[in-house]
Amino acid sequence: MAQNTGTQSVPARPPPTSTQPTAAPAVLRQGRAADPLPSKLNAAEQSELDASAVAANSAENPPEHDKDSDDTHAGVGDEAAARQTDLRLMMRQCDRVLLADYALLAMENWPDNARLSAARYRRDLWLLVIAVAAVLLTGAVVGVLPAWVGGTGFGALVTTLLVAFPPVRRVFSSRASYGELIMQRRQLLNDARRHVAHLEGQDGLVWQCARMAAFNPALASFSFSQLLEASEQHTLVRQLTARKYVRLYLIYLVEADKAYQRLQQSFLDGHQRVLDEGLV
């Protein structure tokens, strides 16, 4: 039986066997030396190296928001220091307010007008008695009046003149005379003016305390404008010629003392705030 060679399957030819052995895939290219394996570090050394690297990076490139915060902090600190310096200077200029003697400036022993009027009435009556006694004595001397009338007038005149001396007058009455009351007023006014001169000094206390109006608006009142002007011109003591001017000065010192206490408290609060916030 004839075989069809066209349809017969040709057996598969085995792959040619190579005489050279098959090379394993190369891990490194030829001509390049192998990298040395990194030495193993313990956990403590590795963390220390990482922390050093982070610190160096932070020192070279500080964050922008930290710089802004430092600038803002420095600006606030300078402003607070300037305010504290201004308050300290204001306190130094107005500290003489604490030396005011209110009892001396108030002149509590000032003789009032009623006492002065009564003393003037007694003085006028005394002068009238002297005049009448002198007329009687003169009339008796010239012979117009009897001698006994002249003697009575002479005795009354001598007695009345002796009453003019304070030791003799105090035997009959403890009330001060008109002249003594006038002298007392003058003495009190002079003492008050000397004290005002001591408070004003060379710079003028009222003029310097006008800066404390921010702590007491009463210091900026129109009633004290003349005091302020006179203090600035160093003529305040000469213008205190009456008790009402001294009392006005006293009222100003009372208001200035209130302002000074508030100023002092504000300075202490600001100093404590600066310390708490660490601005200095």
Foldseek 3Di string as FASTA:
>chain_A
DDDDPVPDDDDDDDDDDDPDDDDDDDPDDPPDDDDDDDDDDDPVVVVVVVVVVVVVVCVVPPDPVVVVVVVVLLVVLVVLVVVLVVLVVLCVLQVLLVVDDLCLLLPPVQDDPVLLVVLVVVVVVLVVLLVVLVVQLVCCVVPNDPVVSNVVSVVSNVLSVVCVDVVVVVVVPPRDHNVVSVVSNVVSLVSLLVSLCVSLDPQFNLLSLLVLCVQPVVSVDPVCPVVNVCRRVVNNSVPSPDSVSSVSVSVNSVRSVSSSVSSVVVSVVSVVVCVVVVSD
